[in-house]
C-alpha atoms as a PDB file:
ATOM      1  CA  UNK A   1     -33.379  -3.932  -8.759  1.00  0.00           C
ATOM      2  CA  UNK A   2     -30.486  -3.989 -11.173  1.00  0.00           C
ATOM      3  CA  UNK A   3     -27.024  -4.085  -9.558  1.00  0.00           C
ATOM      4  CA  UNK A   4     -24.754  -1.074 -10.250  1.00  0.00           C
ATOM      5  CA  UNK A   5     -21.959  -1.765 -12.734  1.00  0.00           C
ATOM      6  CA  UNK A   6     -19.265  -1.336 -10.117  1.00  0.00           C
ATOM      7  CA  UNK A   7     -20.829  -4.030  -7.945  1.00  0.00           C
ATOM      8  CA  UNK A   8     -20.912  -6.422 -10.901  1.00  0.00           C
ATOM      9  CA  UNK A   9     -17.220  -5.707 -11.588  1.00  0.00           C
ATOM     10  CA  UNK A  10     -16.304  -6.303  -7.940  1.00  0.00           C
ATOM     11  CA  UNK A  11     -18.198  -9.590  -7.774  1.00  0.00           C
ATOM     12  CA  UNK A  12     -16.597 -10.714 -11.051  1.00  0.00           C
ATOM     13  CA  UNK A  13     -13.111  -9.827  -9.806  1.00  0.00           C
ATOM     14  CA  UNK A  14     -13.545 -11.775  -6.576  1.00  0.00           C
ATOM     15  CA  UNK A  15     -15.106 -14.712  -8.416  1.00  0.00           C
ATOM     16  CA  UNK A  16     -12.173 -14.824 -10.839  1.00  0.00           C
ATOM     17  CA  UNK A  17      -9.849 -15.479  -7.917  1.00  0.00           C
ATOM     18  CA  UNK A  18     -12.226 -17.794  -6.103  1.00  0.00           C
ATOM     19  CA  UNK A  19     -12.659 -20.032  -9.162  1.00  0.00           C
ATOM     20  CA  UNK A  20      -8.978 -20.904  -9.019  1.00  0.00           C
ATOM     21  CA  UNK A  21      -8.995 -21.500  -5.293  1.00  0.00           C
ATOM     22  CA  UNK A  22      -9.861 -24.365  -3.056  1.00  0.00           C
ATOM     23  CA  UNK A  23     -12.187 -23.737  -0.129  1.00  0.00           C
ATOM     24  CA  UNK A  24     -10.195 -21.663   2.395  1.00  0.00           C
ATOM     25  CA  UNK A  25      -9.032 -23.489   5.486  1.00  0.00           C
ATOM     26  CA  UNK A  26     -10.081 -22.126   8.899  1.00  0.00           C
ATOM     27  CA  UNK A  27      -8.249 -18.838   9.491  1.00  0.00           C
ATOM     28  CA  UNK A  28      -7.100 -18.561   5.871  1.00  0.00           C
ATOM     29  CA  UNK A  29      -7.788 -15.246   4.141  1.00  0.00           C
ATOM     30  CA  UNK A  30     -10.417 -15.205   1.407  1.00  0.00           C
ATOM     31  CA  UNK A  31     -10.342 -13.206  -1.812  1.00  0.00           C
ATOM     32  CA  UNK A  32     -11.283  -9.529  -1.662  1.00  0.00           C
ATOM     33  CA  UNK A  33     -11.564  -6.806  -4.279  1.00  0.00           C
ATOM     34  CA  UNK A  34      -9.558  -3.652  -3.677  1.00  0.00           C
ATOM     35  CA  UNK A  35      -8.670  -0.385  -5.360  1.00  0.00           C
ATOM     36  CA  UNK A  36      -5.696   1.904  -4.728  1.00  0.00           C
ATOM     37  CA  UNK A  37      -6.155   5.681  -4.757  1.00  0.00           C
ATOM     38  CA  UNK A  38      -3.306   8.202  -4.698  1.00  0.00           C
ATOM     39  CA  UNK A  39      -3.365  11.941  -4.142  1.00  0.00           C
ATOM     40  CA  UNK A  40      -2.327  14.790  -1.864  1.00  0.00           C
ATOM     41  CA  UNK A  41      -3.908  16.290   1.230  1.00  0.00           C
ATOM     42  CA  UNK A  42      -3.137  19.410   3.247  1.00  0.00           C
ATOM     43  CA  UNK A  43      -3.617  18.874   6.991  1.00  0.00           C
ATOM     44  CA  UNK A  44      -4.129  22.099   8.914  1.00  0.00           C
ATOM     45  CA  UNK A  45      -2.749  23.094  12.333  1.00  0.00           C
ATOM     46  CA  UNK A  46      -6.002  21.988  13.972  1.00  0.00           C
ATOM     47  CA  UNK A  47      -5.743  18.497  12.482  1.00  0.00           C
ATOM     48  CA  UNK A  48      -8.454  19.080   9.870  1.00  0.00           C
ATOM     49  CA  UNK A  49      -8.086  18.579   6.100  1.00  0.00           C
ATOM     50  CA  UNK A  50      -7.831  21.976   4.380  1.00  0.00           C
ATOM     51  CA  UNK A  51      -7.756  20.669   0.808  1.00  0.00           C
ATOM     52  CA  UNK A  52      -7.139  17.456  -1.078  1.00  0.00           C
ATOM     53  CA  UNK A  53      -6.689  16.210  -4.622  1.00  0.00           C
ATOM     54  CA  UNK A  54      -7.214  12.689  -5.958  1.00  0.00           C
ATOM     55  CA  UNK A  55      -4.774  11.573  -8.646  1.00  0.00           C
ATOM     56  CA  UNK A  56      -6.584  10.687 -11.875  1.00  0.00           C
ATOM     57  CA  UNK A  57      -9.961  11.381 -10.293  1.00  0.00           C
ATOM     58  CA  UNK A  58     -11.698  10.972 -13.657  1.00  0.00           C
ATOM     59  CA  UNK A  59     -10.400   7.384 -13.857  1.00  0.00           C
ATOM     60  CA  UNK A  60     -11.867   6.353 -10.512  1.00  0.00           C
ATOM     61  CA  UNK A  61     -15.292   4.687 -10.298  1.00  0.00           C
ATOM     62  CA  UNK A  62     -18.023   7.179  -9.419  1.00  0.00           C
ATOM     63  CA  UNK A  63     -18.837   5.275  -6.217  1.00  0.00           C
ATOM     64  CA  UNK A  64     -15.230   5.571  -5.050  1.00  0.00           C
ATOM     65  CA  UNK A  65     -15.179   9.333  -5.700  1.00  0.00           C
ATOM     66  CA  UNK A  66     -18.458   9.804  -3.820  1.00  0.00           C
ATOM     67  CA  UNK A  67     -17.176   7.749  -0.896  1.00  0.00           C
ATOM     68  CA  UNK A  68     -13.967   9.779  -0.604  1.00  0.00           C
ATOM     69  CA  UNK A  69     -15.580  13.165  -1.224  1.00  0.00           C
ATOM     70  CA  UNK A  70     -17.942  12.420   1.655  1.00  0.00           C
ATOM     71  CA  UNK A  71     -15.398  11.037   4.131  1.00  0.00           C
ATOM     72  CA  UNK A  72     -12.144  12.939   3.556  1.00  0.00           C
ATOM     73  CA  UNK A  73     -13.430  16.363   4.767  1.00  0.00           C
ATOM     74  CA  UNK A  74     -14.559  14.624   7.989  1.00  0.00           C
ATOM     75  CA  UNK A  75     -11.216  13.006   8.801  1.00  0.00           C
ATOM     76  CA  UNK A  76      -9.265  14.099  11.882  1.00  0.00           C
ATOM     77  CA  UNK A  77      -5.507  14.016  12.439  1.00  0.00           C
ATOM     78  CA  UNK A  78      -2.981  14.751  15.107  1.00  0.00           C
ATOM     79  CA  UNK A  79      -1.862  18.261  14.076  1.00  0.00           C
ATOM     80  CA  UNK A  80       1.402  18.240  12.085  1.00  0.00           C
ATOM     81  CA  UNK A  81       4.240  19.779  14.092  1.00  0.00           C
ATOM     82  CA  UNK A  82       7.330  21.673  12.967  1.00  0.00           C
ATOM     83  CA  UNK A  83       9.758  22.940  15.627  1.00  0.00           C
ATOM     84  CA  UNK A  84       7.181  22.125  18.268  1.00  0.00           C
ATOM     85  CA  UNK A  85       4.427  24.219  16.693  1.00  0.00           C
ATOM     86  CA  UNK A  86       1.315  23.019  14.807  1.00  0.00           C
ATOM     87  CA  UNK A  87       1.418  23.949  11.118  1.00  0.00           C
ATOM     88  CA  UNK A  88      -0.371  23.239   7.860  1.00  0.00           C
ATOM     89  CA  UNK A  89       1.497  20.598   5.868  1.00  0.00           C
ATOM     90  CA  UNK A  90       0.959  19.005   2.474  1.00  0.00           C
ATOM     91  CA  UNK A  91       1.175  15.201   2.364  1.00  0.00           C
ATOM     92  CA  UNK A  92       1.388  12.531  -0.271  1.00  0.00           C
ATOM     93  CA  UNK A  93      -1.677  10.359   0.332  1.00  0.00           C
ATOM     94  CA  UNK A  94      -2.201   6.675  -0.405  1.00  0.00           C
ATOM     95  CA  UNK A  95      -5.566   4.995   0.204  1.00  0.00           C
ATOM     96  CA  UNK A  96      -6.718   1.419  -0.204  1.00  0.00           C
ATOM     97  CA  UNK A  97     -10.435   0.673  -0.417  1.00  0.00           C
ATOM     98  CA  UNK A  98     -12.024  -2.767  -0.390  1.00  0.00           C
ATOM     99  CA  UNK A  99     -15.514  -3.977  -1.263  1.00  0.00           C
ATOM    100  CA  UNK A 100     -17.081  -6.235   1.357  1.00  0.00           C
ATOM    101  CA  UNK A 101     -20.463  -7.957   1.636  1.00  0.00           C
ATOM    102  CA  UNK A 102     -23.156  -5.941   3.396  1.00  0.00           C
ATOM    103  CA  UNK A 103     -26.079  -7.174   5.486  1.00  0.00           C
ATOM    104  CA  UNK A 104     -28.536  -6.587   2.628  1.00  0.00           C
ATOM    105  CA  UNK A 105     -26.668  -8.962   0.331  1.00  0.00           C
ATOM    106  CA  UNK A 106     -24.892  -6.225  -1.640  1.00  0.00           C
ATOM    107  CA  UNK A 107     -21.407  -4.775  -1.248  1.00  0.00           C
ATOM    108  CA  UNK A 108     -20.122  -1.804   0.721  1.00  0.00           C
ATOM    109  CA  UNK A 109     -16.945   0.222   0.269  1.00  0.00           C
ATOM    110  CA  UNK A 110     -14.562   0.286   3.229  1.00  0.00           C
ATOM    111  CA  UNK A 111     -11.358   2.273   3.785  1.00  0.00           C
ATOM    112  CA  UNK A 112      -8.938  -0.481   4.753  1.00  0.00           C
ATOM    113  CA  UNK A 113      -5.642   1.405   4.833  1.00  0.00           C
ATOM    114  CA  UNK A 114      -4.294   4.937   4.539  1.00  0.00           C
ATOM    115  CA  UNK A 115      -0.782   6.385   4.450  1.00  0.00           C
ATOM    116  CA  UNK A 116       0.334  10.007   4.637  1.00  0.00           C
ATOM    117  CA  UNK A 117       3.879  11.186   3.966  1.00  0.00           C
ATOM    118  CA  UNK A 118       5.040  14.830   4.012  1.00  0.00           C
ATOM    119  CA  UNK A 119       5.773  16.143   0.529  1.00  0.00           C
ATOM    120  CA  UNK A 120       9.507  16.615   0.003  1.00  0.00           C
ATOM    121  CA  UNK A 121      10.663  20.039   1.100  1.00  0.00           C
ATOM    122  CA  UNK A 122      13.395  20.161  -1.533  1.00  0.00           C
ATOM    123  CA  UNK A 123      16.367  18.182  -2.800  1.00  0.00           C
ATOM    124  CA  UNK A 124      18.313  16.281  -0.173  1.00  0.00           C
ATOM    125  CA  UNK A 125      15.709  16.161   2.611  1.00  0.00           C
ATOM    126  CA  UNK A 126      14.185  12.762   1.838  1.00  0.00           C
ATOM    127  CA  UNK A 127      15.476   9.333   0.967  1.00  0.00           C
ATOM    128  CA  UNK A 128      14.768   8.670  -2.714  1.00  0.00           C
ATOM    129  CA  UNK A 129      15.321   5.897  -5.245  1.00  0.00           C
ATOM    130  CA  UNK A 130      18.520   6.029  -7.325  1.00  0.00           C
ATOM    131  CA  UNK A 131      18.450   2.579  -8.950  1.00  0.00           C
ATOM    132  CA  UNK A 132      15.679   0.015  -8.460  1.00  0.00           C
ATOM    133  CA  UNK A 133      15.716  -2.538 -11.321  1.00  0.00           C
ATOM    134  CA  UNK A 134      12.808  -4.996 -11.052  1.00  0.00           C
ATOM    135  CA  UNK A 135      13.875  -8.527 -10.125  1.00  0.00           C
ATOM    136  CA  UNK A 136      13.294 -11.421 -12.568  1.00  0.00           C
ATOM    137  CA  UNK A 137       9.836 -12.984 -12.453  1.00  0.00           C
ATOM    138  CA  UNK A 138       9.989 -16.379 -10.683  1.00  0.00           C
ATOM    139  CA  UNK A 139       9.912 -18.991 -13.446  1.00  0.00           C
ATOM    140  CA  UNK A 140       7.782 -21.471 -11.496  1.00  0.00           C
ATOM    141  CA  UNK A 141       5.129 -18.805 -10.900  1.00  0.00           C
ATOM    142  CA  UNK A 142       5.235 -17.587 -14.498  1.00  0.00           C
ATOM    143  CA  UNK A 143       4.578 -21.085 -15.809  1.00  0.00           C
ATOM    144  CA  UNK A 144       1.146 -21.287 -14.141  1.00  0.00           C
ATOM    145  CA  UNK A 145       0.250 -17.580 -14.154  1.00  0.00           C
ATOM    146  CA  UNK A 146       0.539 -16.664 -10.465  1.00  0.00           C
ATOM    147  CA  UNK A 147       0.785 -12.917  -9.668  1.00  0.00           C
ATOM    148  CA  UNK A 148       1.599 -11.231  -6.366  1.00  0.00           C
ATOM    149  CA  UNK A 149       2.556  -8.041  -4.566  1.00  0.00           C
ATOM    150  CA  UNK A 150       5.427  -8.256  -2.073  1.00  0.00           C
ATOM    151  CA  UNK A 151       5.621  -5.579   0.628  1.00  0.00           C
ATOM    152  CA  UNK A 152       9.307  -5.099   1.423  1.00  0.00           C
ATOM    153  CA  UNK A 153      10.986  -3.248   4.261  1.00  0.00           C
ATOM    154  CA  UNK A 154      14.621  -2.211   3.709  1.00  0.00           C
ATOM    155  CA  UNK A 155      17.457  -0.958   5.874  1.00  0.00           C
ATOM    156  CA  UNK A 156      19.510   1.549   3.857  1.00  0.00           C
ATOM    157  CA  UNK A 157      23.056   2.546   4.858  1.00  0.00           C
ATOM    158  CA  UNK A 158      24.843   5.917   4.550  1.00  0.00           C
ATOM    159  CA  UNK A 159      26.203   4.956   1.110  1.00  0.00           C
ATOM    160  CA  UNK A 160      22.669   4.348  -0.163  1.00  0.00           C
ATOM    161  CA  UNK A 161      23.123   0.578  -0.387  1.00  0.00           C
ATOM    162  CA  UNK A 162      20.667  -1.883   1.131  1.00  0.00           C
ATOM    163  CA  UNK A 163      22.054  -3.320   4.369  1.00  0.00           C
ATOM    164  CA  UNK A 164      19.138  -5.657   4.973  1.00  0.00           C
ATOM    165  CA  UNK A 165      15.827  -6.540   3.346  1.00  0.00           C
ATOM    166  CA  UNK A 166      12.769  -8.472   4.471  1.00  0.00           C
ATOM    167  CA  UNK A 167       9.308  -9.284   3.205  1.00  0.00           C
ATOM    168  CA  UNK A 168       6.532  -8.173   5.563  1.00  0.00           C
ATOM    169  CA  UNK A 169       3.575  -9.439   3.554  1.00  0.00           C
ATOM    170  CA  UNK A 170       2.816 -11.136   0.246  1.00  0.00           C
ATOM    171  CA  UNK A 171      -0.619 -10.729  -1.359  1.00  0.00           C
ATOM    172  CA  UNK A 172      -1.501 -13.167  -4.121  1.00  0.00           C
ATOM    173  CA  UNK A 173      -3.573 -11.960  -7.071  1.00  0.00           C
ATOM    174  CA  UNK A 174      -4.452 -15.505  -7.962  1.00  0.00           C
ATOM    175  CA  UNK A 175      -4.831 -18.277  -5.420  1.00  0.00           C
ATOM    176  CA  UNK A 176      -3.587 -21.642  -6.702  1.00  0.00           C
ATOM    177  CA  UNK A 177      -5.439 -24.818  -5.780  1.00  0.00           C
ATOM    178  CA  UNK A 178      -2.872 -25.581  -3.126  1.00  0.00           C
ATOM    179  CA  UNK A 179       0.476 -24.493  -1.688  1.00  0.00           C
ATOM    180  CA  UNK A 180      -0.372 -20.788  -1.324  1.00  0.00           C
ATOM    181  CA  UNK A 181       2.363 -20.504   1.327  1.00  0.00           C
ATOM    182  CA  UNK A 182       4.855 -21.979  -1.124  1.00  0.00           C
ATOM    183  CA  UNK A 183       4.022 -19.350  -3.758  1.00  0.00           C
ATOM    184  CA  UNK A 184       4.257 -16.541  -1.235  1.00  0.00           C
ATOM    185  CA  UNK A 185       7.714 -17.789  -0.256  1.00  0.00           C
ATOM    186  CA  UNK A 186       8.814 -17.965  -3.904  1.00  0.00           C
ATOM    187  CA  UNK A 187       7.778 -14.363  -4.560  1.00  0.00           C
ATOM    188  CA  UNK A 188       9.252 -13.154  -1.258  1.00  0.00           C
ATOM    189  CA  UNK A 189      12.648 -14.704  -2.011  1.00  0.00           C
ATOM    190  CA  UNK A 190      12.727 -13.191  -5.499  1.00  0.00           C
ATOM    191  CA  UNK A 191      11.798  -9.733  -4.192  1.00  0.00           C
ATOM    192  CA  UNK A 192      14.312  -9.732  -1.334  1.00  0.00           C
ATOM    193  CA  UNK A 193      17.085 -11.010  -3.596  1.00  0.00           C
ATOM    194  CA  UNK A 194      16.415  -8.273  -6.134  1.00  0.00           C
ATOM    195  CA  UNK A 195      16.099  -5.507  -3.549  1.00  0.00           C
ATOM    196  CA  UNK A 196      19.550  -6.181  -2.120  1.00  0.00           C
ATOM    197  CA  UNK A 197      21.069  -4.675  -5.287  1.00  0.00           C
ATOM    198  CA  UNK A 198      19.046  -1.455  -5.144  1.00  0.00           C
ATOM    199  CA  UNK A 199      20.607   1.941  -4.486  1.00  0.00           C
ATOM    200  CA  UNK A 200      19.112   5.054  -2.878  1.00  0.00           C
ATOM    201  CA  UNK A 201      19.983   8.725  -2.453  1.00  0.00           C
ATOM    202  CA  UNK A 202      20.057   9.347   1.292  1.00  0.00           C
ATOM    203  CA  UNK A 203      19.053  12.614   3.024  1.00  0.00           C
ATOM    204  CA  UNK A 204      21.814  15.201   3.173  1.00  0.00           C
ATOM    205  CA  UNK A 205      19.790  18.015   4.759  1.00  0.00           C
ATOM    206  CA  UNK A 206      17.346  18.368   7.615  1.00  0.00           C
ATOM    207  CA  UNK A 207      16.764  16.163  10.673  1.00  0.00           C
ATOM    208  CA  UNK A 208      17.044  12.897   8.706  1.00  0.00           C
ATOM    209  CA  UNK A 209      20.588  13.617   7.497  1.00  0.00           C
ATOM    210  CA  UNK A 210      23.590  11.862   9.019  1.00  0.00           C
ATOM    211  CA  UNK A 211      21.801   8.835  10.404  1.00  0.00           C
ATOM    212  CA  UNK A 212      23.413   5.406  10.758  1.00  0.00           C
ATOM    213  CA  UNK A 213      20.683   3.918   8.568  1.00  0.00           C
ATOM    214  CA  UNK A 214      17.161   4.563   7.265  1.00  0.00           C
ATOM    215  CA  UNK A 215      14.156   2.246   7.014  1.00  0.00           C
ATOM    216  CA  UNK A 216      11.875   2.324   3.973  1.00  0.00           C
ATOM    217  CA  UNK A 217       8.968   0.259   2.691  1.00  0.00           C
ATOM    218  CA  UNK A 218       8.600  -0.573  -1.003  1.00  0.00           C
ATOM    219  CA  UNK A 219       5.687  -2.580  -2.483  1.00  0.00           C
ATOM    220  CA  UNK A 220       6.873  -4.676  -5.426  1.00  0.00           C
ATOM    221  CA  UNK A 221       4.260  -5.968  -7.872  1.00  0.00           C
ATOM    222  CA  UNK A 222       4.814  -9.118  -9.938  1.00  0.00           C
ATOM    223  CA  UNK A 223       2.268  -9.001 -12.759  1.00  0.00           C
ATOM    224  CA  UNK A 224       2.042 -10.080 -16.399  1.00  0.00           C
ATOM    225  CA  UNK A 225      -0.249  -7.215 -17.402  1.00  0.00           C
ATOM    226  CA  UNK A 226       2.026  -4.187 -17.621  1.00  0.00           C
ATOM    227  CA  UNK A 227      -0.750  -1.710 -18.418  1.00  0.00           C
ATOM    228  CA  UNK A 228      -1.637   0.861 -15.807  1.00  0.00           C
ATOM    229  CA  UNK A 229      -4.421  -0.621 -13.683  1.00  0.00           C
ATOM    230  CA  UNK A 230      -4.910   2.498 -11.631  1.00  0.00           C
ATOM    231  CA  UNK A 231      -8.575   3.227 -11.015  1.00  0.00           C
ATOM    232  CA  UNK A 232      -9.709  -0.397 -11.406  1.00  0.00           C
ATOM    233  CA  UNK A 233     -11.024  -2.878  -8.853  1.00  0.00           C
ATOM    234  CA  UNK A 234      -8.602  -5.790  -8.526  1.00  0.00           C
ATOM    235  CA  UNK A 235      -8.982  -9.104  -6.748  1.00  0.00           C
ATOM    236  CA  UNK A 236      -6.338 -10.256  -4.262  1.00  0.00           C
ATOM    237  CA  UNK A 237      -5.842 -12.677  -1.374  1.00  0.00           C
ATOM    238  CA  UNK A 238      -4.081 -10.937   1.540  1.00  0.00           C
ATOM    239  CA  UNK A 239      -1.195 -12.810   3.105  1.00  0.00           C
ATOM    240  CA  UNK A 240      -0.220 -12.884   6.783  1.00  0.00           C
ATOM    241  CA  UNK A 241       1.782  -9.975   8.204  1.00  0.00           C
ATOM    242  CA  UNK A 242       5.279 -10.959   9.296  1.00  0.00           C
ATOM    243  CA  UNK A 243       7.153  -9.262  12.131  1.00  0.00           C
ATOM    244  CA  UNK A 244      10.614  -7.978  11.189  1.00  0.00           C
ATOM    245  CA  UNK A 245      13.003  -7.873  14.207  1.00  0.00           C
ATOM    246  CA  UNK A 246      14.874  -4.705  13.171  1.00  0.00           C
ATOM    247  CA  UNK A 247      11.731  -2.628  12.578  1.00  0.00           C
ATOM    248  CA  UNK A 248      10.676  -0.659  15.710  1.00  0.00           C
ATOM    249  CA  UNK A 249       7.714  -2.151  17.547  1.00  0.00           C
ATOM    250  CA  UNK A 250       5.556   0.948  17.036  1.00  0.00           C
ATOM    251  CA  UNK A 251       6.116   0.690  13.253  1.00  0.00           C
ATOM    252  CA  UNK A 252       5.209  -2.997  12.908  1.00  0.00           C
ATOM    253  CA  UNK A 253       1.425  -2.706  12.720  1.00  0.00           C
ATOM    254  CA  UNK A 254      -1.067  -1.240  10.294  1.00  0.00           C
ATOM    255  CA  UNK A 255      -2.162  -2.404   6.824  1.00  0.00           C
ATOM    256  CA  UNK A 256       0.385  -2.018   4.035  1.00  0.00           C
ATOM    257  CA  UNK A 257      -1.896  -1.942   0.997  1.00  0.00           C
ATOM    258  CA  UNK A 258      -2.225   1.858   0.896  1.00  0.00           C
ATOM    259  CA  UNK A 259       1.284   2.184  -0.553  1.00  0.00           C
ATOM    260  CA  UNK A 260       1.488   2.390  -4.337  1.00  0.00           C
ATOM    261  CA  UNK A 261       3.539  -0.239  -6.154  1.00  0.00           C
ATOM    262  CA  UNK A 262       7.169   0.792  -6.559  1.00  0.00           C
ATOM    263  CA  UNK A 263       6.863   3.780  -4.223  1.00  0.00           C
ATOM    264  CA  UNK A 264       9.520   4.532  -1.595  1.00  0.00           C
ATOM    265  CA  UNK A 265       7.941   5.087   1.817  1.00  0.00           C
ATOM    266  CA  UNK A 266      10.152   6.164   4.706  1.00  0.00           C
ATOM    267  CA  UNK A 267       9.250   4.349   7.909  1.00  0.00           C
ATOM    268  CA  UNK A 268       8.069   6.854  10.508  1.00  0.00           C
ATOM    269  CA  UNK A 269       7.948   9.823   8.099  1.00  0.00           C
ATOM    270  CA  UNK A 270       4.460  10.998   8.992  1.00  0.00           C
ATOM    271  CA  UNK A 271       3.336  14.567   9.473  1.00  0.00           C
ATOM    272  CA  UNK A 272       0.432  13.537  11.656  1.00  0.00           C
ATOM    273  CA  UNK A 273      -1.433  10.439  12.701  1.00  0.00           C
ATOM    274  CA  UNK A 274      -4.912   9.901  11.294  1.00  0.00           C
ATOM    275  CA  UNK A 275      -7.286   9.694  14.246  1.00  0.00           C
ATOM    276  CA  UNK A 276     -10.327   8.623  12.237  1.00  0.00           C
ATOM    277  CA  UNK A 277     -10.205   4.812  12.261  1.00  0.00           C
ATOM    278  CA  UNK A 278      -9.899   2.854   9.044  1.00  0.00           C
ATOM    279  CA  UNK A 279     -12.450   0.156   8.388  1.00  0.00           C
ATOM    280  CA  UNK A 280     -15.351   2.573   7.992  1.00  0.00           C
ATOM    281  CA  UNK A 281     -17.674   2.110   5.083  1.00  0.00           C
ATOM    282  CA  UNK A 282     -20.997   3.086   3.591  1.00  0.00           C
END
């Protein structure tokens, strides 16, 4: 039986990374193929999805659309609450799907990570980017063609300036023959150094206004190909998750890949917790 085109693309993407890699050491992450999907979803007062929309749905592989169209209506959430009462609330949705080997020798699609953030109610309610210039590409990495995504967490003060910055995870999009930890450190240092100069507009209305500081997560992609890769399978090697001391314990866990590159994601700004576990596939 002929393999579907999407399976061929996934296998090629993973192989492209694996060809540049040595055999993983025990406990070291291997290459996977993933795809990011953005959109919106309205969660009703009973914790059920009322409607959803996938950004650029026509650009997504057919298998990804079928997977999501089957699963999303079956998801369950803690009901979103406003003033102590369950309500319907629209959320910005970020999903990260991976392709993993199945028992029959093929590949299966799995929801690895999901994030849901209430859509801004109006100007001044949410923390938003004011100035976020991308940091310079590390010269050592550019010389040999290494790419990465750095998942940053930032502490933002009342004046909108970054009080502290840390890297929580670094995913490589190409695994060098050796010294993967060295390359992750190089990208992390460049990202943190650049983020310290960023500026944000802080909330001036609502329950988030007037705080001593705010915590946000920002994924920062270092890539040579500046075209929009949305809707394409991409190979990556996930890095280890690092614990950041000033991030609350209940906000430390959970995969980070669902966040879109360059997006500003307030820590703890969720309208409801997804009860359906990630890691399910077909």
